[in-house]
N, C-alpha and C. Protein backbone atom coordinates (compact mmCIF):
# COMPACT_ATOMS: atom_id res chain seq x y z
N MET A 1 -1.78 -26.13 -28.88
CA MET A 1 -2.26 -25.02 -28.08
C MET A 1 -1.32 -23.81 -28.26
N ILE A 2 -1.88 -22.66 -28.50
CA ILE A 2 -1.10 -21.44 -28.67
C ILE A 2 -0.98 -20.74 -27.32
N ASN A 3 0.25 -20.38 -26.97
CA ASN A 3 0.50 -19.68 -25.72
C ASN A 3 0.14 -18.21 -25.88
N LYS A 4 -0.60 -17.68 -24.92
CA LYS A 4 -1.04 -16.29 -24.98
C LYS A 4 -0.06 -15.35 -24.30
N ARG A 5 0.58 -15.81 -23.26
CA ARG A 5 1.50 -14.95 -22.52
C ARG A 5 2.94 -15.36 -22.82
N TRP A 6 3.86 -14.43 -22.71
CA TRP A 6 5.25 -14.70 -23.06
C TRP A 6 5.85 -15.82 -22.25
N TYR A 7 5.38 -16.06 -21.05
CA TYR A 7 5.97 -17.06 -20.17
C TYR A 7 5.25 -18.41 -20.20
N ASP A 8 4.18 -18.54 -20.96
CA ASP A 8 3.42 -19.79 -21.00
C ASP A 8 4.19 -20.96 -21.61
N SER A 9 5.15 -20.69 -22.46
CA SER A 9 5.86 -21.77 -23.14
C SER A 9 6.87 -22.49 -22.24
N ASP A 10 7.24 -21.87 -21.13
CA ASP A 10 8.20 -22.49 -20.20
C ASP A 10 7.46 -22.81 -18.90
N PRO A 11 7.33 -24.10 -18.56
CA PRO A 11 6.56 -24.46 -17.36
C PRO A 11 7.10 -23.87 -16.06
N ILE A 12 8.41 -23.69 -15.97
CA ILE A 12 8.99 -23.12 -14.75
C ILE A 12 8.65 -21.64 -14.65
N LEU A 13 8.82 -20.91 -15.75
CA LEU A 13 8.45 -19.49 -15.77
C LEU A 13 6.96 -19.32 -15.49
N LYS A 14 6.16 -20.15 -16.11
CA LYS A 14 4.71 -20.06 -15.94
C LYS A 14 4.33 -20.27 -14.48
N GLU A 15 4.88 -21.31 -13.88
CA GLU A 15 4.57 -21.61 -12.47
C GLU A 15 5.06 -20.49 -11.55
N ALA A 16 6.29 -20.00 -11.78
CA ALA A 16 6.85 -18.95 -10.93
C ALA A 16 6.03 -17.68 -11.01
N LEU A 17 5.66 -17.27 -12.21
CA LEU A 17 4.89 -16.02 -12.35
C LEU A 17 3.45 -16.17 -11.89
N GLU A 18 2.88 -17.34 -12.05
CA GLU A 18 1.52 -17.56 -11.53
C GLU A 18 1.52 -17.53 -10.00
N LEU A 19 2.51 -18.18 -9.40
CA LEU A 19 2.63 -18.15 -7.94
C LEU A 19 2.89 -16.73 -7.45
N LEU A 20 3.71 -16.00 -8.18
CA LEU A 20 3.98 -14.60 -7.83
C LEU A 20 2.71 -13.76 -7.91
N ARG A 21 1.94 -13.96 -8.96
CA ARG A 21 0.69 -13.21 -9.14
C ARG A 21 -0.26 -13.41 -7.96
N LEU A 22 -0.26 -14.60 -7.39
CA LEU A 22 -1.17 -14.94 -6.29
C LEU A 22 -0.59 -14.61 -4.91
N SER A 23 0.64 -14.15 -4.86
CA SER A 23 1.32 -13.87 -3.59
C SER A 23 0.83 -12.57 -2.96
N PRO A 24 1.00 -12.47 -1.64
CA PRO A 24 0.65 -11.21 -0.96
C PRO A 24 1.60 -10.09 -1.40
N ASP A 25 1.19 -8.85 -1.19
CA ASP A 25 1.94 -7.69 -1.65
C ASP A 25 3.37 -7.63 -1.11
N ASP A 26 3.58 -8.00 0.16
CA ASP A 26 4.93 -7.94 0.70
C ASP A 26 5.85 -8.95 0.03
N THR A 27 5.32 -10.10 -0.34
CA THR A 27 6.10 -11.10 -1.07
C THR A 27 6.39 -10.61 -2.47
N LYS A 28 5.42 -9.97 -3.09
CA LYS A 28 5.63 -9.42 -4.43
C LYS A 28 6.74 -8.37 -4.40
N SER A 29 6.76 -7.58 -3.36
CA SER A 29 7.79 -6.55 -3.23
C SER A 29 9.18 -7.18 -3.13
N GLU A 30 9.31 -8.22 -2.31
CA GLU A 30 10.58 -8.93 -2.20
C GLU A 30 10.97 -9.56 -3.52
N ALA A 31 10.01 -10.15 -4.21
CA ALA A 31 10.27 -10.78 -5.51
C ALA A 31 10.72 -9.75 -6.54
N ALA A 32 10.09 -8.60 -6.54
CA ALA A 32 10.48 -7.54 -7.47
C ALA A 32 11.92 -7.10 -7.20
N SER A 33 12.27 -6.95 -5.94
CA SER A 33 13.66 -6.58 -5.59
C SER A 33 14.63 -7.64 -6.09
N PHE A 34 14.26 -8.89 -5.94
CA PHE A 34 15.09 -9.98 -6.43
C PHE A 34 15.26 -9.89 -7.95
N MET A 35 14.16 -9.68 -8.67
CA MET A 35 14.21 -9.63 -10.13
C MET A 35 14.97 -8.40 -10.64
N LEU A 36 14.95 -7.31 -9.87
CA LEU A 36 15.67 -6.11 -10.29
C LEU A 36 17.18 -6.34 -10.34
N LYS A 37 17.65 -7.37 -9.65
CA LYS A 37 19.07 -7.70 -9.69
C LYS A 37 19.48 -8.19 -11.08
N LEU A 38 18.51 -8.52 -11.92
CA LEU A 38 18.80 -8.94 -13.29
C LEU A 38 19.46 -7.82 -14.09
N GLN A 39 19.28 -6.57 -13.65
CA GLN A 39 19.90 -5.44 -14.35
C GLN A 39 21.39 -5.63 -14.52
N GLU A 40 22.01 -6.28 -13.54
CA GLU A 40 23.45 -6.49 -13.56
C GLU A 40 23.87 -7.52 -14.61
N GLN A 41 22.91 -8.29 -15.11
CA GLN A 41 23.24 -9.40 -16.00
C GLN A 41 22.67 -9.26 -17.41
N VAL A 42 22.10 -8.11 -17.71
CA VAL A 42 21.57 -7.91 -19.06
C VAL A 42 22.27 -6.74 -19.73
N ALA A 43 22.27 -6.75 -21.04
CA ALA A 43 22.96 -5.73 -21.82
C ALA A 43 22.22 -4.40 -21.75
N SER A 44 22.93 -3.33 -22.03
CA SER A 44 22.34 -2.00 -21.96
C SER A 44 21.19 -1.82 -22.94
N ASP A 45 21.24 -2.46 -24.12
CA ASP A 45 20.13 -2.34 -25.06
C ASP A 45 18.87 -3.00 -24.52
N VAL A 46 19.04 -4.03 -23.72
CA VAL A 46 17.89 -4.67 -23.07
C VAL A 46 17.28 -3.72 -22.05
N LEU A 47 18.15 -3.05 -21.27
CA LEU A 47 17.66 -2.09 -20.28
C LEU A 47 16.89 -0.96 -20.94
N GLU A 48 17.40 -0.49 -22.06
CA GLU A 48 16.72 0.57 -22.80
C GLU A 48 15.32 0.11 -23.23
N HIS A 49 15.23 -1.11 -23.73
CA HIS A 49 13.94 -1.67 -24.14
C HIS A 49 12.99 -1.80 -22.95
N VAL A 50 13.51 -2.23 -21.82
CA VAL A 50 12.69 -2.37 -20.61
C VAL A 50 12.11 -1.03 -20.20
N TYR A 51 12.90 0.03 -20.26
CA TYR A 51 12.40 1.36 -19.89
C TYR A 51 11.34 1.85 -20.88
N GLU A 52 11.47 1.50 -22.14
CA GLU A 52 10.44 1.84 -23.13
C GLU A 52 9.12 1.13 -22.79
N ILE A 53 9.21 -0.13 -22.41
CA ILE A 53 8.02 -0.91 -22.03
C ILE A 53 7.37 -0.29 -20.80
N ILE A 54 8.19 0.09 -19.83
CA ILE A 54 7.67 0.70 -18.61
C ILE A 54 6.92 1.98 -18.94
N ASP A 55 7.50 2.83 -19.78
CA ASP A 55 6.85 4.07 -20.17
C ASP A 55 5.52 3.80 -20.88
N THR A 56 5.46 2.74 -21.65
CA THR A 56 4.26 2.41 -22.41
C THR A 56 3.15 1.83 -21.54
N TYR A 57 3.50 0.93 -20.63
CA TYR A 57 2.48 0.16 -19.91
C TYR A 57 2.21 0.56 -18.47
N GLN A 58 3.12 1.26 -17.82
CA GLN A 58 2.95 1.54 -16.40
C GLN A 58 1.63 2.22 -16.12
N GLY A 59 0.80 1.53 -15.36
CA GLY A 59 -0.50 2.06 -14.98
C GLY A 59 -1.53 2.06 -16.08
N LYS A 60 -1.17 1.58 -17.28
CA LYS A 60 -2.09 1.62 -18.41
C LYS A 60 -2.41 0.25 -18.96
N GLY A 61 -1.59 -0.73 -18.66
CA GLY A 61 -1.77 -2.06 -19.23
C GLY A 61 -2.80 -2.89 -18.49
N ASN A 62 -3.11 -4.04 -19.06
CA ASN A 62 -4.09 -4.95 -18.46
C ASN A 62 -3.45 -6.11 -17.72
N ARG A 63 -2.13 -6.19 -17.76
CA ARG A 63 -1.46 -7.31 -17.11
C ARG A 63 -1.44 -7.09 -15.59
N TRP A 64 -1.39 -8.16 -14.83
CA TRP A 64 -1.47 -8.07 -13.38
C TRP A 64 -0.32 -7.27 -12.78
N TYR A 65 0.77 -7.13 -13.47
CA TYR A 65 1.93 -6.43 -12.92
C TYR A 65 2.10 -5.01 -13.46
N ASP A 66 1.23 -4.54 -14.31
CA ASP A 66 1.38 -3.22 -14.92
C ASP A 66 1.16 -2.05 -13.96
N ASN A 67 0.45 -2.25 -12.89
CA ASN A 67 0.13 -1.14 -11.98
C ASN A 67 1.15 -0.93 -10.87
N ASP A 68 2.13 -1.80 -10.77
CA ASP A 68 3.18 -1.67 -9.77
C ASP A 68 4.49 -1.42 -10.51
N PRO A 69 5.04 -0.20 -10.45
CA PRO A 69 6.23 0.13 -11.23
C PRO A 69 7.42 -0.80 -10.97
N MET A 70 7.63 -1.16 -9.71
CA MET A 70 8.74 -2.04 -9.37
C MET A 70 8.52 -3.44 -9.94
N MET A 71 7.31 -3.95 -9.83
CA MET A 71 7.00 -5.28 -10.35
C MET A 71 7.07 -5.27 -11.88
N LEU A 72 6.56 -4.23 -12.50
CA LEU A 72 6.61 -4.12 -13.95
C LEU A 72 8.06 -4.17 -14.44
N LYS A 73 8.93 -3.42 -13.79
CA LYS A 73 10.33 -3.41 -14.18
C LYS A 73 10.96 -4.78 -13.95
N GLY A 74 10.69 -5.40 -12.82
CA GLY A 74 11.24 -6.72 -12.52
C GLY A 74 10.80 -7.78 -13.51
N VAL A 75 9.52 -7.81 -13.82
CA VAL A 75 9.00 -8.81 -14.76
C VAL A 75 9.54 -8.55 -16.16
N GLU A 76 9.62 -7.31 -16.57
CA GLU A 76 10.16 -7.00 -17.90
C GLU A 76 11.65 -7.33 -17.99
N LEU A 77 12.40 -7.14 -16.91
CA LEU A 77 13.79 -7.56 -16.90
C LEU A 77 13.89 -9.07 -17.07
N LEU A 78 13.04 -9.79 -16.36
CA LEU A 78 13.01 -11.25 -16.49
C LEU A 78 12.64 -11.64 -17.92
N ARG A 79 11.65 -11.00 -18.45
CA ARG A 79 11.18 -11.30 -19.82
C ARG A 79 12.26 -11.08 -20.86
N ASN A 80 13.08 -10.06 -20.70
CA ASN A 80 14.08 -9.69 -21.70
C ASN A 80 15.48 -10.22 -21.41
N ALA A 81 15.63 -10.94 -20.32
CA ALA A 81 16.94 -11.51 -19.99
C ALA A 81 17.25 -12.66 -20.96
N PRO A 82 18.54 -12.94 -21.16
CA PRO A 82 18.91 -14.10 -21.98
C PRO A 82 18.29 -15.37 -21.39
N ALA A 83 18.00 -16.32 -22.24
CA ALA A 83 17.26 -17.54 -21.84
C ALA A 83 17.91 -18.26 -20.66
N ASN A 84 19.23 -18.37 -20.65
CA ASN A 84 19.88 -19.09 -19.55
C ASN A 84 19.72 -18.35 -18.22
N ILE A 85 19.83 -17.05 -18.24
CA ILE A 85 19.65 -16.24 -17.02
C ILE A 85 18.19 -16.25 -16.60
N GLN A 86 17.30 -16.17 -17.57
CA GLN A 86 15.87 -16.19 -17.31
C GLN A 86 15.47 -17.48 -16.58
N ARG A 87 15.98 -18.59 -17.04
CA ARG A 87 15.64 -19.89 -16.45
C ARG A 87 16.16 -20.00 -15.01
N ILE A 88 17.41 -19.59 -14.80
CA ILE A 88 17.99 -19.62 -13.45
C ILE A 88 17.19 -18.74 -12.51
N ALA A 89 16.88 -17.53 -12.96
CA ALA A 89 16.11 -16.59 -12.13
C ALA A 89 14.73 -17.16 -11.82
N ALA A 90 14.08 -17.76 -12.82
CA ALA A 90 12.74 -18.33 -12.61
C ALA A 90 12.78 -19.47 -11.60
N LEU A 91 13.79 -20.31 -11.69
CA LEU A 91 13.92 -21.42 -10.73
C LEU A 91 14.11 -20.90 -9.31
N LYS A 92 14.98 -19.91 -9.16
CA LYS A 92 15.23 -19.34 -7.83
C LYS A 92 14.00 -18.59 -7.31
N LEU A 93 13.32 -17.91 -8.19
CA LEU A 93 12.09 -17.22 -7.82
C LEU A 93 11.04 -18.22 -7.35
N LEU A 94 10.89 -19.31 -8.07
CA LEU A 94 9.92 -20.34 -7.72
C LEU A 94 10.23 -20.94 -6.36
N VAL A 95 11.48 -21.28 -6.13
CA VAL A 95 11.88 -21.87 -4.84
C VAL A 95 11.62 -20.89 -3.70
N ALA A 96 12.01 -19.63 -3.89
CA ALA A 96 11.81 -18.62 -2.84
C ALA A 96 10.33 -18.40 -2.56
N LEU A 97 9.51 -18.37 -3.59
CA LEU A 97 8.07 -18.19 -3.38
C LEU A 97 7.45 -19.39 -2.66
N GLU A 98 7.90 -20.57 -3.02
CA GLU A 98 7.37 -21.77 -2.35
C GLU A 98 7.80 -21.82 -0.89
N GLN A 99 9.02 -21.35 -0.61
CA GLN A 99 9.52 -21.33 0.77
C GLN A 99 9.05 -20.10 1.53
N LYS A 100 8.44 -19.16 0.79
CA LYS A 100 7.96 -17.90 1.37
C LYS A 100 9.09 -17.11 2.03
N SER A 101 10.26 -17.15 1.38
CA SER A 101 11.40 -16.39 1.90
C SER A 101 12.43 -16.16 0.79
N PHE A 102 12.89 -14.92 0.70
CA PHE A 102 13.93 -14.57 -0.24
C PHE A 102 15.29 -14.42 0.46
N ASP A 103 15.35 -14.78 1.74
CA ASP A 103 16.60 -14.69 2.49
C ASP A 103 17.67 -15.55 1.83
N GLY A 104 18.77 -14.93 1.48
CA GLY A 104 19.89 -15.64 0.91
C GLY A 104 19.75 -16.03 -0.55
N VAL A 105 18.67 -15.61 -1.22
CA VAL A 105 18.48 -15.96 -2.62
C VAL A 105 19.23 -14.96 -3.48
N GLU A 106 20.16 -15.44 -4.26
CA GLU A 106 20.97 -14.61 -5.14
C GLU A 106 20.89 -15.15 -6.55
N LEU A 107 21.09 -14.29 -7.53
CA LEU A 107 21.06 -14.72 -8.93
C LEU A 107 22.33 -15.43 -9.35
N SER A 108 23.44 -15.09 -8.75
CA SER A 108 24.70 -15.68 -9.19
C SER A 108 24.94 -17.05 -8.61
């Protein structure tokens, strides 16, 4: 089976982003704030690439997160983070979404 989305190959990422997609707007906002903390853990060239993606897709793409600038930035940071950081963030995101609370959830 060929994966269509960048996160389909990792079951944890897939589950976390699918749960996020189905979450209410206030939960999405909290999740985006959580994912934006990835900025502190990625290289400047990654940040530059993320901003290019935002300029290209914001409000124009077909993905569920393209119309929300904060969510677009958060998801793209997650997408471009190093694999080890991506996995940790996805696990914490999944747990917080399942618990319906981001209180005390940190990336470090």
